[in-house]
Amino acid sequence: MTGSDPHGPGWRRVRRGRGFGYRDADGSPVGDPRAIARVKALAIPPAWTDVWICPHPRGHLQAVGTDAAGRRQYLYHPDFRAQQERAKHDHVLAVAPALPGLRRRAEEDLARRGLGPERVLGCATRLLDLGFFRIGAPGYERDNGSYGLTTLRRDQVSVRRDRIHFAYRAKSGRERDLVLTDRTTATAVRALLRRPDPGARLLAFRQGRVFADVDAARLNGYLREHSGTDLSAKDFRTWHATVLAAVGLAVSWPVAGRSPGARRRAAARVVREVADYLGDTPAVCRASYLNPRLFELYDQGVTLAPALRNLAPGDGLGLPGTGEEVERAVVELLTGKGC
């Protein structure tokens, strides 16, 4: 694998009849059939313009183009993507042991009075932990009308007793309807909904006489400070998805372990169930959030089942299925230190 620079010499895609041709950095046609086959295999969307193509088959970045919305898009080498996915899951496994301490700090901050930054950020952390939210970005709200935790509006949230109801459009236009039950968090969210401030955002803290919105940078800063790691909001979705899948695979094994076909069907069912929790498609869930090591171990008959049998009644396997004893067992399973 070699580094590739889209600002350096590369190939261009040009219209040729009803299809495309390719020219090298000197403007000469690319005629090598193997090179053309490689470029076609990239499946660069026809609507992309200003397309740059890496001339080297082992370049980490294979193509760049501008989509119909004017955004630059990138196509990476499959080996590079796999490398990045491994690094992501290794990172999540490294920061997962810090979650119990972070949760305790968030609970302490949630117990504060008023709507100072500590209580609101503690509330945001608890919501991330319970609701599998994306963090949100103003650009997605502006361009796509989609929302994440830090961009949620007050009119997309309601509270009844200890139940918090969220109804909003998430990434890719998927409508998300979510109910969380947590008394302390519901109390804080109710205060946020009733605050004397005209701002539309749900998450905002008092700063002197005004309220300031919580953005992704501030929330990630809180997570890093109080976990003592490089934890970020996106790690919550990846980690909880992996834990839920580990539990689902373990529960399925007594029946699914009888044949390869049964295992494939059970694994597909688990992925669908986790995708429902995330509000994503099964394909995105499997590719972006689930540690592939889980499925490798599953095919070998290695699951979380022994650890689950040893859990005390209070350790919890209910939704979202991420009790700390379960999480510890998943870390041990995936690092080879248990099960």
C-alpha atoms as a PDB file:
ATOM      1  CA  MET A   1       0.000   0.000   0.000  1.00  0.00           C
ATOM      2  CA  THR A   2       1.362   3.443  -0.964  1.00  0.00           C
ATOM      3  CA  GLY A   3       0.169   6.940  -0.175  1.00  0.00           C
ATOM      4  CA  SER A   4      -1.636   8.816  -2.931  1.00  0.00           C
ATOM      5  CA  ASP A   5      -2.205  12.556  -3.287  1.00  0.00           C
ATOM      6  CA  PRO A   6      -5.283  13.831  -5.168  1.00  0.00           C
ATOM      7  CA  HIS A   7      -3.485  17.151  -5.648  1.00  0.00           C
ATOM      8  CA  GLY A   8      -0.649  15.428  -7.477  1.00  0.00           C
ATOM      9  CA  PRO A   9      -0.479  13.899 -10.977  1.00  0.00           C
ATOM     10  CA  GLY A  10      -3.302  11.513 -11.749  1.00  0.00           C
ATOM     11  CA  TRP A  11      -5.740  10.363 -14.383  1.00  0.00           C
ATOM     12  CA  ARG A  12      -8.872  12.216 -15.465  1.00  0.00           C
ATOM     13  CA  ARG A  13     -12.203  10.800 -16.495  1.00  0.00           C
ATOM     14  CA  VAL A  14     -13.612  12.248 -19.729  1.00  0.00           C
ATOM     15  CA  ARG A  15     -16.860  11.690 -21.575  1.00  0.00           C
ATOM     16  CA  ARG A  16     -16.685   9.349 -24.557  1.00  0.00           C
ATOM     17  CA  GLY A  17     -20.028   8.818 -26.272  1.00  0.00           C
ATOM     18  CA  ARG A  18     -22.407   7.274 -23.755  1.00  0.00           C
ATOM     19  CA  GLY A  19     -19.571   6.214 -21.479  1.00  0.00           C
ATOM     20  CA  PHE A  20     -16.213   7.411 -20.230  1.00  0.00           C
ATOM     21  CA  GLY A  21     -12.581   7.356 -21.251  1.00  0.00           C
ATOM     22  CA  TYR A  22      -9.497   8.080 -19.159  1.00  0.00           C
ATOM     23  CA  ARG A  23      -6.474  10.292 -19.733  1.00  0.00           C
ATOM     24  CA  ASP A  24      -3.179  10.290 -17.904  1.00  0.00           C
ATOM     25  CA  ALA A  25      -1.347  13.276 -16.419  1.00  0.00           C
ATOM     26  CA  ASP A  26       0.073  14.168 -19.862  1.00  0.00           C
ATOM     27  CA  GLY A  27      -3.357  14.096 -21.486  1.00  0.00           C
ATOM     28  CA  SER A  28      -2.729  10.840 -23.343  1.00  0.00           C
ATOM     29  CA  PRO A  29      -5.460   8.165 -23.398  1.00  0.00           C
ATOM     30  CA  VAL A  30      -5.076   5.342 -20.876  1.00  0.00           C
ATOM     31  CA  GLY A  31      -5.042   2.244 -23.063  1.00  0.00           C
ATOM     32  CA  ASP A  32      -3.860  -0.562 -20.784  1.00  0.00           C
ATOM     33  CA  PRO A  33      -6.830  -2.976 -20.493  1.00  0.00           C
ATOM     34  CA  ARG A  34      -5.843  -3.960 -16.951  1.00  0.00           C
ATOM     35  CA  ALA A  35      -5.702  -0.320 -15.845  1.00  0.00           C
ATOM     36  CA  ILE A  36      -9.087   0.386 -17.423  1.00  0.00           C
ATOM     37  CA  ALA A  37     -10.562  -2.705 -15.747  1.00  0.00           C
ATOM     38  CA  ARG A  38      -9.241  -1.510 -12.375  1.00  0.00           C
ATOM     39  CA  VAL A  39     -10.812   1.918 -12.819  1.00  0.00           C
ATOM     40  CA  LYS A  40     -14.149   0.438 -13.893  1.00  0.00           C
ATOM     41  CA  ALA A  41     -14.095  -1.841 -10.857  1.00  0.00           C
ATOM     42  CA  LEU A  42     -13.998   1.265  -8.654  1.00  0.00           C
ATOM     43  CA  ALA A  43     -17.598   1.946  -9.784  1.00  0.00           C
ATOM     44  CA  ILE A  44     -17.108   5.717  -9.762  1.00  0.00           C
ATOM     45  CA  PRO A  45     -20.643   7.189  -9.879  1.00  0.00           C
ATOM     46  CA  PRO A  46     -21.456   8.616 -13.344  1.00  0.00           C
ATOM     47  CA  ALA A  47     -22.767  11.833 -11.761  1.00  0.00           C
ATOM     48  CA  TRP A  48     -19.392  12.697 -10.243  1.00  0.00           C
ATOM     49  CA  THR A  49     -17.500  15.542 -11.882  1.00  0.00           C
ATOM     50  CA  ASP A  50     -13.894  16.731 -11.627  1.00  0.00           C
ATOM     51  CA  VAL A  51     -12.783  13.135 -11.121  1.00  0.00           C
ATOM     52  CA  TRP A  52      -9.190  12.370 -10.139  1.00  0.00           C
ATOM     53  CA  ILE A  53      -8.001   8.748 -10.365  1.00  0.00           C
ATOM     54  CA  CYS A  54      -4.858   7.334  -8.801  1.00  0.00           C
ATOM     55  CA  PRO A  55      -2.570   5.842 -11.489  1.00  0.00           C
ATOM     56  CA  HIS A  56      -1.163   3.308  -9.008  1.00  0.00           C
ATOM     57  CA  PRO A  57      -3.223   0.184  -8.227  1.00  0.00           C
ATOM     58  CA  ARG A  58      -1.914   0.077  -4.642  1.00  0.00           C
ATOM     59  CA  GLY A  59      -2.542   3.739  -3.808  1.00  0.00           C
ATOM     60  CA  HIS A  60      -4.511   4.098  -0.573  1.00  0.00           C
ATOM     61  CA  LEU A  61      -6.841   6.666  -2.182  1.00  0.00           C
ATOM     62  CA  GLN A  62      -8.072   5.394  -5.539  1.00  0.00           C
ATOM     63  CA  ALA A  63     -10.409   8.152  -6.743  1.00  0.00           C
ATOM     64  CA  VAL A  64     -11.875  11.535  -5.807  1.00  0.00           C
ATOM     65  CA  GLY A  65     -14.812  13.367  -7.348  1.00  0.00           C
ATOM     66  CA  THR A  66     -17.519  15.953  -6.732  1.00  0.00           C
ATOM     67  CA  ASP A  67     -21.066  14.663  -6.299  1.00  0.00           C
ATOM     68  CA  ALA A  68     -24.301  16.306  -7.444  1.00  0.00           C
ATOM     69  CA  ALA A  69     -24.545  18.225  -4.155  1.00  0.00           C
ATOM     70  CA  GLY A  70     -21.087  19.745  -4.658  1.00  0.00           C
ATOM     71  CA  ARG A  71     -19.389  17.625  -1.992  1.00  0.00           C
ATOM     72  CA  ARG A  72     -15.989  16.007  -2.518  1.00  0.00           C
ATOM     73  CA  GLN A  73     -16.236  12.234  -2.245  1.00  0.00           C
ATOM     74  CA  TYR A  74     -13.475   9.657  -1.860  1.00  0.00           C
ATOM     75  CA  LEU A  75     -12.984   6.030  -2.904  1.00  0.00           C
ATOM     76  CA  TYR A  76     -10.306   4.161  -0.959  1.00  0.00           C
ATOM     77  CA  HIS A  77      -8.455   0.942  -1.701  1.00  0.00           C
ATOM     78  CA  PRO A  78     -10.232  -2.037  -0.065  1.00  0.00           C
ATOM     79  CA  ASP A  79      -7.080  -2.985   1.850  1.00  0.00           C
ATOM     80  CA  PHE A  80      -6.810   0.547   3.232  1.00  0.00           C
ATOM     81  CA  ARG A  81     -10.465   0.489   4.298  1.00  0.00           C
ATOM     82  CA  ALA A  82      -9.924  -2.837   6.041  1.00  0.00           C
ATOM     83  CA  GLN A  83      -6.860  -1.428   7.796  1.00  0.00           C
ATOM     84  CA  GLN A  84      -8.853   1.596   8.971  1.00  0.00           C
ATOM     85  CA  GLU A  85     -11.693  -0.623  10.201  1.00  0.00           C
ATOM     86  CA  ARG A  86      -9.262  -2.742  12.224  1.00  0.00           C
ATOM     87  CA  ALA A  87      -7.733   0.384  13.740  1.00  0.00           C
ATOM     88  CA  LYS A  88     -11.194   1.717  14.619  1.00  0.00           C
ATOM     89  CA  HIS A  89     -12.220  -1.451  16.442  1.00  0.00           C
ATOM     90  CA  ASP A  90      -8.854  -1.699  18.206  1.00  0.00           C
ATOM     91  CA  HIS A  91      -9.341   1.884  19.395  1.00  0.00           C
ATOM     92  CA  VAL A  92     -12.843   1.156  20.688  1.00  0.00           C
ATOM     93  CA  LEU A  93     -11.592  -1.890  22.592  1.00  0.00           C
ATOM     94  CA  ALA A  94      -8.854   0.265  24.119  1.00  0.00           C
ATOM     95  CA  VAL A  95     -11.236   2.974  25.377  1.00  0.00           C
ATOM     96  CA  ALA A  96     -14.117   0.707  26.476  1.00  0.00           C
ATOM     97  CA  PRO A  97     -12.628   0.030  29.956  1.00  0.00           C
ATOM     98  CA  ALA A  98     -12.853   3.774  30.670  1.00  0.00           C
ATOM     99  CA  LEU A  99     -16.639   3.850  30.234  1.00  0.00           C
ATOM    100  CA  PRO A 100     -17.584   2.931  33.833  1.00  0.00           C
ATOM    101  CA  GLY A 101     -15.639   5.888  35.225  1.00  0.00           C
ATOM    102  CA  LEU A 102     -17.118   8.229  32.626  1.00  0.00           C
ATOM    103  CA  ARG A 103     -20.618   7.013  33.470  1.00  0.00           C
ATOM    104  CA  ARG A 104     -20.105   7.685  37.158  1.00  0.00           C
ATOM    105  CA  ARG A 105     -18.957  11.224  36.376  1.00  0.00           C
ATOM    106  CA  ALA A 106     -21.956  11.796  34.089  1.00  0.00           C
ATOM    107  CA  GLU A 107     -24.314  10.574  36.833  1.00  0.00           C
ATOM    108  CA  GLU A 108     -22.726  12.985  39.317  1.00  0.00           C
ATOM    109  CA  ASP A 109     -23.107  15.871  36.890  1.00  0.00           C
ATOM    110  CA  LEU A 110     -26.706  14.904  36.110  1.00  0.00           C
ATOM    111  CA  ALA A 111     -27.498  15.217  39.818  1.00  0.00           C
ATOM    112  CA  ARG A 112     -26.492  18.896  39.840  1.00  0.00           C
ATOM    113  CA  ARG A 113     -29.092  21.647  39.959  1.00  0.00           C
ATOM    114  CA  GLY A 114     -29.709  24.180  37.211  1.00  0.00           C
ATOM    115  CA  LEU A 115     -28.585  23.984  33.600  1.00  0.00           C
ATOM    116  CA  GLY A 116     -24.878  24.647  33.885  1.00  0.00           C
ATOM    117  CA  PRO A 117     -22.467  23.039  31.409  1.00  0.00           C
ATOM    118  CA  GLU A 118     -21.621  20.104  33.689  1.00  0.00           C
ATOM    119  CA  ARG A 119     -25.215  18.947  34.069  1.00  0.00           C
ATOM    120  CA  VAL A 120     -26.086  19.416  30.400  1.00  0.00           C
ATOM    121  CA  LEU A 121     -22.940  17.621  29.206  1.00  0.00           C
ATOM    122  CA  GLY A 122     -23.592  14.837  31.710  1.00  0.00           C
ATOM    123  CA  CYS A 123     -27.094  14.564  30.263  1.00  0.00           C
ATOM    124  CA  ALA A 124     -25.718  14.455  26.704  1.00  0.00           C
ATOM    125  CA  THR A 125     -23.289  11.694  27.693  1.00  0.00           C
ATOM    126  CA  ARG A 126     -26.077   9.653  29.259  1.00  0.00           C
ATOM    127  CA  LEU A 127     -28.188  10.064  26.113  1.00  0.00           C
ATOM    128  CA  LEU A 128     -25.282   8.916  23.932  1.00  0.00           C
ATOM    129  CA  ASP A 129     -24.887   5.885  26.155  1.00  0.00           C
ATOM    130  CA  LEU A 130     -28.569   4.946  26.102  1.00  0.00           C
ATOM    131  CA  GLY A 131     -29.712   6.045  22.669  1.00  0.00           C
ATOM    132  CA  PHE A 132     -26.961   5.125  20.190  1.00  0.00           C
ATOM    133  CA  PHE A 133     -27.175   8.633  18.686  1.00  0.00           C
ATOM    134  CA  ARG A 134     -24.929  10.058  16.030  1.00  0.00           C
ATOM    135  CA  ILE A 135     -23.436  13.253  17.374  1.00  0.00           C
ATOM    136  CA  GLY A 136     -24.903  15.513  14.652  1.00  0.00           C
ATOM    137  CA  ALA A 137     -23.469  18.323  12.536  1.00  0.00           C
ATOM    138  CA  PRO A 138     -24.979  21.649  11.429  1.00  0.00           C
ATOM    139  CA  GLY A 139     -23.995  20.880   7.831  1.00  0.00           C
ATOM    140  CA  TYR A 140     -26.168  17.753   7.723  1.00  0.00           C
ATOM    141  CA  GLU A 141     -29.063  19.684   9.219  1.00  0.00           C
ATOM    142  CA  ARG A 142     -28.657  22.493   6.688  1.00  0.00           C
ATOM    143  CA  ASP A 143     -28.038  20.373   3.595  1.00  0.00           C
ATOM    144  CA  ASN A 144     -30.082  17.239   4.292  1.00  0.00           C
ATOM    145  CA  GLY A 145     -32.532  18.094   7.053  1.00  0.00           C
ATOM    146  CA  SER A 146     -31.039  15.306   9.178  1.00  0.00           C
ATOM    147  CA  TYR A 147     -30.209  15.481  12.870  1.00  0.00           C
ATOM    148  CA  GLY A 148     -27.976  13.999  15.541  1.00  0.00           C
ATOM    149  CA  LEU A 149     -27.785  14.467  19.291  1.00  0.00           C
ATOM    150  CA  THR A 150     -26.213  17.939  19.343  1.00  0.00           C
ATOM    151  CA  THR A 151     -28.493  19.292  16.598  1.00  0.00           C
ATOM    152  CA  LEU A 152     -31.809  17.918  17.902  1.00  0.00           C
ATOM    153  CA  ARG A 153     -34.513  20.561  18.263  1.00  0.00           C
ATOM    154  CA  ARG A 154     -36.742  20.881  21.284  1.00  0.00           C
ATOM    155  CA  ASP A 155     -39.822  20.224  19.160  1.00  0.00           C
ATOM    156  CA  GLN A 156     -38.403  16.773  18.278  1.00  0.00           C
ATOM    157  CA  VAL A 157     -38.317  15.672  21.929  1.00  0.00           C
ATOM    158  CA  SER A 158     -40.984  15.160  24.587  1.00  0.00           C
ATOM    159  CA  VAL A 159     -40.988  13.805  28.150  1.00  0.00           C
ATOM    160  CA  ARG A 160     -43.721  11.950  30.010  1.00  0.00           C
ATOM    161  CA  ARG A 161     -42.821  10.910  33.537  1.00  0.00           C
ATOM    162  CA  ASP A 162     -39.510   9.041  33.167  1.00  0.00           C
ATOM    163  CA  ARG A 163     -39.885   8.351  29.420  1.00  0.00           C
ATOM    164  CA  ILE A 164     -38.125  10.495  26.809  1.00  0.00           C
ATOM    165  CA  HIS A 165     -39.505  10.340  23.269  1.00  0.00           C
ATOM    166  CA  PHE A 166     -37.392  11.360  20.259  1.00  0.00           C
ATOM    167  CA  ALA A 167     -38.873  11.674  16.757  1.00  0.00           C
ATOM    168  CA  TYR A 168     -36.533  13.051  14.097  1.00  0.00           C
ATOM    169  CA  ARG A 169     -34.936  12.475  10.706  1.00  0.00           C
ATOM    170  CA  ALA A 170     -31.542  10.839  11.045  1.00  0.00           C
ATOM    171  CA  LYS A 171     -28.735  10.427   8.522  1.00  0.00           C
ATOM    172  CA  SER A 172     -29.729   9.227   5.040  1.00  0.00           C
ATOM    173  CA  GLY A 173     -33.279  10.453   5.600  1.00  0.00           C
ATOM    174  CA  ARG A 174     -34.242   7.596   7.931  1.00  0.00           C
ATOM    175  CA  GLU A 175     -37.003   8.532  10.365  1.00  0.00           C
ATOM    176  CA  ARG A 176     -36.075   7.600  13.908  1.00  0.00           C
ATOM    177  CA  ASP A 177     -38.661   7.098  16.647  1.00  0.00           C
ATOM    178  CA  LEU A 178     -36.977   6.303  19.949  1.00  0.00           C
ATOM    179  CA  VAL A 179     -38.159   6.038  23.553  1.00  0.00           C
ATOM    180  CA  LEU A 180     -35.672   5.967  26.434  1.00  0.00           C
ATOM    181  CA  THR A 181     -36.662   5.308  30.037  1.00  0.00           C
ATOM    182  CA  ASP A 182     -34.397   6.875  32.630  1.00  0.00           C
ATOM    183  CA  ARG A 183     -35.728   8.992  35.493  1.00  0.00           C
ATOM    184  CA  THR A 184     -32.696  11.201  36.166  1.00  0.00           C
ATOM    185  CA  THR A 185     -32.103  11.905  32.491  1.00  0.00           C
ATOM    186  CA  ALA A 186     -35.806  12.580  31.907  1.00  0.00           C
ATOM    187  CA  THR A 187     -35.726  15.184  34.683  1.00  0.00           C
ATOM    188  CA  ALA A 188     -32.794  16.958  33.032  1.00  0.00           C
ATOM    189  CA  VAL A 189     -34.364  16.803  29.560  1.00  0.00           C
ATOM    190  CA  ARG A 190     -37.617  18.209  30.949  1.00  0.00           C
ATOM    191  CA  ALA A 191     -35.652  21.154  32.356  1.00  0.00           C
ATOM    192  CA  LEU A 192     -33.996  21.679  28.963  1.00  0.00           C
ATOM    193  CA  LEU A 193     -37.379  21.710  27.235  1.00  0.00           C
ATOM    194  CA  ARG A 194     -38.761  24.266  29.705  1.00  0.00           C
ATOM    195  CA  ARG A 195     -35.764  26.588  29.870  1.00  0.00           C
ATOM    196  CA  PRO A 196     -36.466  30.329  29.412  1.00  0.00           C
ATOM    197  CA  ASP A 197     -34.648  30.637  26.113  1.00  0.00           C
ATOM    198  CA  PRO A 198     -35.941  30.965  22.540  1.00  0.00           C
ATOM    199  CA  GLY A 199     -33.224  28.701  21.102  1.00  0.00           C
ATOM    200  CA  ALA A 200     -34.421  25.700  19.107  1.00  0.00           C
ATOM    201  CA  ARG A 201     -31.691  23.257  20.172  1.00  0.00           C
ATOM    202  CA  LEU A 202     -32.421  20.708  22.891  1.00  0.00           C
ATOM    203  CA  LEU A 203     -28.911  20.740  24.350  1.00  0.00           C
ATOM    204  CA  ALA A 204     -27.896  24.171  25.607  1.00  0.00           C
ATOM    205  CA  PHE A 205     -26.348  25.311  28.894  1.00  0.00           C
ATOM    206  CA  ARG A 206     -26.562  28.532  30.847  1.00  0.00           C
ATOM    207  CA  GLN A 207     -23.630  30.861  30.274  1.00  0.00           C
ATOM    208  CA  GLY A 208     -24.177  33.964  32.352  1.00  0.00           C
ATOM    209  CA  ARG A 209     -27.520  35.438  31.299  1.00  0.00           C
ATOM    210  CA  VAL A 210     -27.760  33.535  28.020  1.00  0.00           C
ATOM    211  CA  PHE A 211     -27.729  29.936  26.819  1.00  0.00           C
ATOM    212  CA  ALA A 212     -25.036  28.423  24.605  1.00  0.00           C
ATOM    213  CA  ASP A 213     -25.662  25.401  22.385  1.00  0.00           C
ATOM    214  CA  VAL A 214     -23.699  22.210  22.994  1.00  0.00           C
ATOM    215  CA  ASP A 215     -21.735  21.365  19.845  1.00  0.00           C
ATOM    216  CA  ALA A 216     -19.785  18.246  18.909  1.00  0.00           C
ATOM    217  CA  ALA A 217     -16.422  19.698  19.925  1.00  0.00           C
ATOM    218  CA  ARG A 218     -17.611  20.587  23.426  1.00  0.00           C
ATOM    219  CA  LEU A 219     -19.249  17.202  23.986  1.00  0.00           C
ATOM    220  CA  ASN A 220     -16.219  15.287  22.712  1.00  0.00           C
ATOM    221  CA  GLY A 221     -14.035  17.429  24.967  1.00  0.00           C
ATOM    222  CA  TYR A 222     -16.121  16.379  27.977  1.00  0.00           C
ATOM    223  CA  LEU A 223     -15.837  12.719  26.974  1.00  0.00           C
ATOM    224  CA  ARG A 224     -12.059  12.918  26.603  1.00  0.00           C
ATOM    225  CA  GLU A 225     -11.553  14.859  29.821  1.00  0.00           C
ATOM    226  CA  HIS A 226     -13.606  12.560  32.027  1.00  0.00           C
ATOM    227  CA  SER A 227     -12.660   9.238  30.438  1.00  0.00           C
ATOM    228  CA  GLY A 228      -8.946  10.015  30.376  1.00  0.00           C
ATOM    229  CA  THR A 229      -8.811   8.567  26.847  1.00  0.00           C
ATOM    230  CA  ASP A 230      -9.313   9.669  23.253  1.00  0.00           C
ATOM    231  CA  LEU A 231     -12.964   8.596  23.446  1.00  0.00           C
ATOM    232  CA  SER A 232     -15.396  10.337  21.081  1.00  0.00           C
ATOM    233  CA  ALA A 233     -19.159  10.246  20.617  1.00  0.00           C
ATOM    234  CA  LYS A 234     -18.959   7.967  17.578  1.00  0.00           C
ATOM    235  CA  ASP A 235     -17.231   5.304  19.681  1.00  0.00           C
ATOM    236  CA  PHE A 236     -20.447   4.785  21.655  1.00  0.00           C
ATOM    237  CA  ARG A 237     -22.365   3.575  18.577  1.00  0.00           C
ATOM    238  CA  THR A 238     -19.553   1.279  17.480  1.00  0.00           C
ATOM    239  CA  TRP A 239     -19.084  -0.189  20.937  1.00  0.00           C
ATOM    240  CA  HIS A 240     -22.746  -0.688  21.817  1.00  0.00           C
ATOM    241  CA  ALA A 241     -23.444  -2.236  18.416  1.00  0.00           C
ATOM    242  CA  THR A 242     -20.611  -4.711  18.955  1.00  0.00           C
ATOM    243  CA  VAL A 243     -21.795  -5.577  22.476  1.00  0.00           C
ATOM    244  CA  LEU A 244     -25.377  -6.133  21.335  1.00  0.00           C
ATOM    245  CA  ALA A 245     -24.187  -8.324  18.475  1.00  0.00           C
ATOM    246  CA  ALA A 246     -21.975 -10.343  20.832  1.00  0.00           C
ATOM    247  CA  VAL A 247     -24.951 -11.025  23.101  1.00  0.00           C
ATOM    248  CA  GLY A 248     -27.210 -11.885  20.164  1.00  0.00           C
ATOM    249  CA  LEU A 249     -24.709 -14.329  18.678  1.00  0.00           C
ATOM    250  CA  ALA A 250     -24.195 -16.009  22.045  1.00  0.00           C
ATOM    251  CA  VAL A 251     -27.923 -16.452  22.606  1.00  0.00           C
ATOM    252  CA  SER A 252     -28.369 -17.912  19.102  1.00  0.00           C
ATOM    253  CA  TRP A 253     -25.598 -20.509  19.371  1.00  0.00           C
ATOM    254  CA  PRO A 254     -27.536 -23.437  20.953  1.00  0.00           C
ATOM    255  CA  VAL A 255     -29.676 -23.667  17.806  1.00  0.00           C
ATOM    256  CA  ALA A 256     -27.539 -21.986  15.144  1.00  0.00           C
ATOM    257  CA  GLY A 257     -24.381 -23.892  16.012  1.00  0.00           C
ATOM    258  CA  ARG A 258     -25.756 -27.045  14.404  1.00  0.00           C
ATOM    259  CA  SER A 259     -24.872 -26.126  10.813  1.00  0.00           C
ATOM    260  CA  PRO A 260     -23.100 -23.436   8.750  1.00  0.00           C
ATOM    261  CA  GLY A 261     -26.398 -22.444   7.141  1.00  0.00           C
ATOM    262  CA  ALA A 262     -28.078 -21.975  10.510  1.00  0.00           C
ATOM    263  CA  ARG A 263     -25.133 -19.874  11.681  1.00  0.00           C
ATOM    264  CA  ARG A 264     -25.342 -17.642   8.615  1.00  0.00           C
ATOM    265  CA  ARG A 265     -29.072 -17.111   9.122  1.00  0.00           C
ATOM    266  CA  ALA A 266     -28.624 -16.394  12.822  1.00  0.00           C
ATOM    267  CA  ALA A 267     -25.808 -13.926  12.157  1.00  0.00           C
ATOM    268  CA  ALA A 268     -27.924 -12.120   9.562  1.00  0.00           C
ATOM    269  CA  ARG A 269     -30.809 -11.911  12.031  1.00  0.00           C
ATOM    270  CA  VAL A 270     -28.538 -10.478  14.741  1.00  0.00           C
ATOM    271  CA  VAL A 271     -27.206  -7.851  12.322  1.00  0.00           C
ATOM    272  CA  ARG A 272     -30.770  -6.842  11.403  1.00  0.00           C
ATOM    273  CA  GLU A 273     -31.724  -6.492  15.059  1.00  0.00           C
ATOM    274  CA  VAL A 274     -28.687  -4.367  15.894  1.00  0.00           C
ATOM    275  CA  ALA A 275     -29.299  -2.241  12.792  1.00  0.00           C
ATOM    276  CA  ASP A 276     -32.815  -1.543  14.083  1.00  0.00           C
ATOM    277  CA  TYR A 277     -31.385  -0.238  17.363  1.00  0.00           C
ATOM    278  CA  LEU A 278     -28.947   1.976  15.488  1.00  0.00           C
ATOM    279  CA  GLY A 279     -31.517   3.205  12.984  1.00  0.00           C
ATOM    280  CA  ASP A 280     -29.322   1.998  10.121  1.00  0.00           C
ATOM    281  CA  THR A 281     -29.462  -0.554   7.327  1.00  0.00           C
ATOM    282  CA  PRO A 282     -28.033  -4.021   8.003  1.00  0.00           C
ATOM    283  CA  ALA A 283     -25.355  -3.448   5.345  1.00  0.00           C
ATOM    284  CA  VAL A 284     -24.140  -0.221   6.974  1.00  0.00           C
ATOM    285  CA  CYS A 285     -24.370  -1.775  10.426  1.00  0.00           C
ATOM    286  CA  ARG A 286     -22.243  -4.804   9.490  1.00  0.00           C
ATOM    287  CA  ALA A 287     -19.670  -2.785   7.538  1.00  0.00           C
ATOM    288  CA  SER A 288     -19.299   0.230   9.822  1.00  0.00           C
ATOM    289  CA  TYR A 289     -20.142  -0.750  13.395  1.00  0.00           C
ATOM    290  CA  LEU A 290     -19.662  -4.445  14.115  1.00  0.00           C
ATOM    291  CA  ASN A 291     -16.259  -5.854  14.955  1.00  0.00           C
ATOM    292  CA  PRO A 292     -15.642  -8.572  12.312  1.00  0.00           C
ATOM    293  CA  ARG A 293     -13.731 -10.606  14.881  1.00  0.00           C
ATOM    294  CA  LEU A 294     -17.094 -11.428  16.503  1.00  0.00           C
ATOM    295  CA  PHE A 295     -18.213 -13.321  13.418  1.00  0.00           C
ATOM    296  CA  GLU A 296     -14.863 -15.052  12.945  1.00  0.00           C
ATOM    297  CA  LEU A 297     -15.071 -16.358  16.508  1.00  0.00           C
ATOM    298  CA  TYR A 298     -18.730 -17.283  16.055  1.00  0.00           C
ATOM    299  CA  ASP A 299     -17.867 -19.505  13.096  1.00  0.00           C
ATOM    300  CA  GLN A 300     -15.330 -21.234  15.354  1.00  0.00           C
ATOM    301  CA  GLY A 301     -17.956 -21.811  18.053  1.00  0.00           C
ATOM    302  CA  VAL A 302     -16.500 -19.166  20.380  1.00  0.00           C
ATOM    303  CA  THR A 303     -19.134 -16.829  21.835  1.00  0.00           C
ATOM    304  CA  LEU A 304     -19.980 -14.850  24.935  1.00  0.00           C
ATOM    305  CA  ALA A 305     -22.214 -17.674  26.215  1.00  0.00           C
ATOM    306  CA  PRO A 306     -19.941 -18.900  29.070  1.00  0.00           C
ATOM    307  CA  ALA A 307     -19.592 -15.370  30.424  1.00  0.00           C
ATOM    308  CA  LEU A 308     -23.343 -14.744  30.195  1.00  0.00           C
ATOM    309  CA  ARG A 309     -24.069 -17.880  32.226  1.00  0.00           C
ATOM    310  CA  ASN A 310     -21.819 -16.583  34.991  1.00  0.00           C
ATOM    311  CA  LEU A 311     -23.434 -13.159  35.270  1.00  0.00           C
ATOM    312  CA  ALA A 312     -25.162 -12.232  38.503  1.00  0.00           C
ATOM    313  CA  PRO A 313     -28.882 -11.363  38.249  1.00  0.00           C
ATOM    314  CA  GLY A 314     -28.174  -7.652  38.655  1.00  0.00           C
ATOM    315  CA  ASP A 315     -25.644  -7.460  35.841  1.00  0.00           C
ATOM    316  CA  GLY A 316     -28.375  -6.978  33.288  1.00  0.00           C
ATOM    317  CA  LEU A 317     -29.010  -8.155  29.760  1.00  0.00           C
ATOM    318  CA  GLY A 318     -31.964  -5.898  29.024  1.00  0.00           C
ATOM    319  CA  LEU A 319     -32.071  -3.146  26.433  1.00  0.00           C
ATOM    320  CA  PRO A 320     -29.742  -1.734  25.440  1.00  0.00           C
ATOM    321  CA  GLY A 321     -27.945  -4.839  26.666  1.00  0.00           C
ATOM    322  CA  THR A 322     -24.754  -3.079  27.630  1.00  0.00           C
ATOM    323  CA  GLY A 323     -24.308  -3.768  31.345  1.00  0.00           C
ATOM    324  CA  GLU A 324     -20.732  -3.218  32.438  1.00  0.00           C
ATOM    325  CA  GLU A 325     -20.123  -6.901  33.260  1.00  0.00           C
ATOM    326  CA  VAL A 326     -21.296  -7.774  29.761  1.00  0.00           C
ATOM    327  CA  GLU A 327     -19.007  -5.124  28.294  1.00  0.00           C
ATOM    328  CA  ARG A 328     -16.058  -6.474  30.250  1.00  0.00           C
ATOM    329  CA  ALA A 329     -16.758  -9.944  28.915  1.00  0.00           C
ATOM    330  CA  VAL A 330     -16.881  -8.634  25.333  1.00  0.00           C
ATOM    331  CA  VAL A 331     -13.486  -6.965  25.763  1.00  0.00           C
ATOM    332  CA  GLU A 332     -12.062 -10.245  27.073  1.00  0.00           C
ATOM    333  CA  LEU A 333     -13.639 -12.191  24.209  1.00  0.00           C
ATOM    334  CA  LEU A 334     -12.273  -9.918  21.491  1.00  0.00           C
ATOM    335  CA  THR A 335      -8.819  -9.534  23.020  1.00  0.00           C
ATOM    336  CA  GLY A 336      -8.433 -13.253  23.704  1.00  0.00           C
ATOM    337  CA  LYS A 337      -8.294 -12.820  27.480  1.00  0.00           C
ATOM    338  CA  GLY A 338     -11.454 -14.736  28.298  1.00  0.00           C
ATOM    339  CA  CYS A 339     -14.201 -17.027  27.039  1.00  0.00           C
END
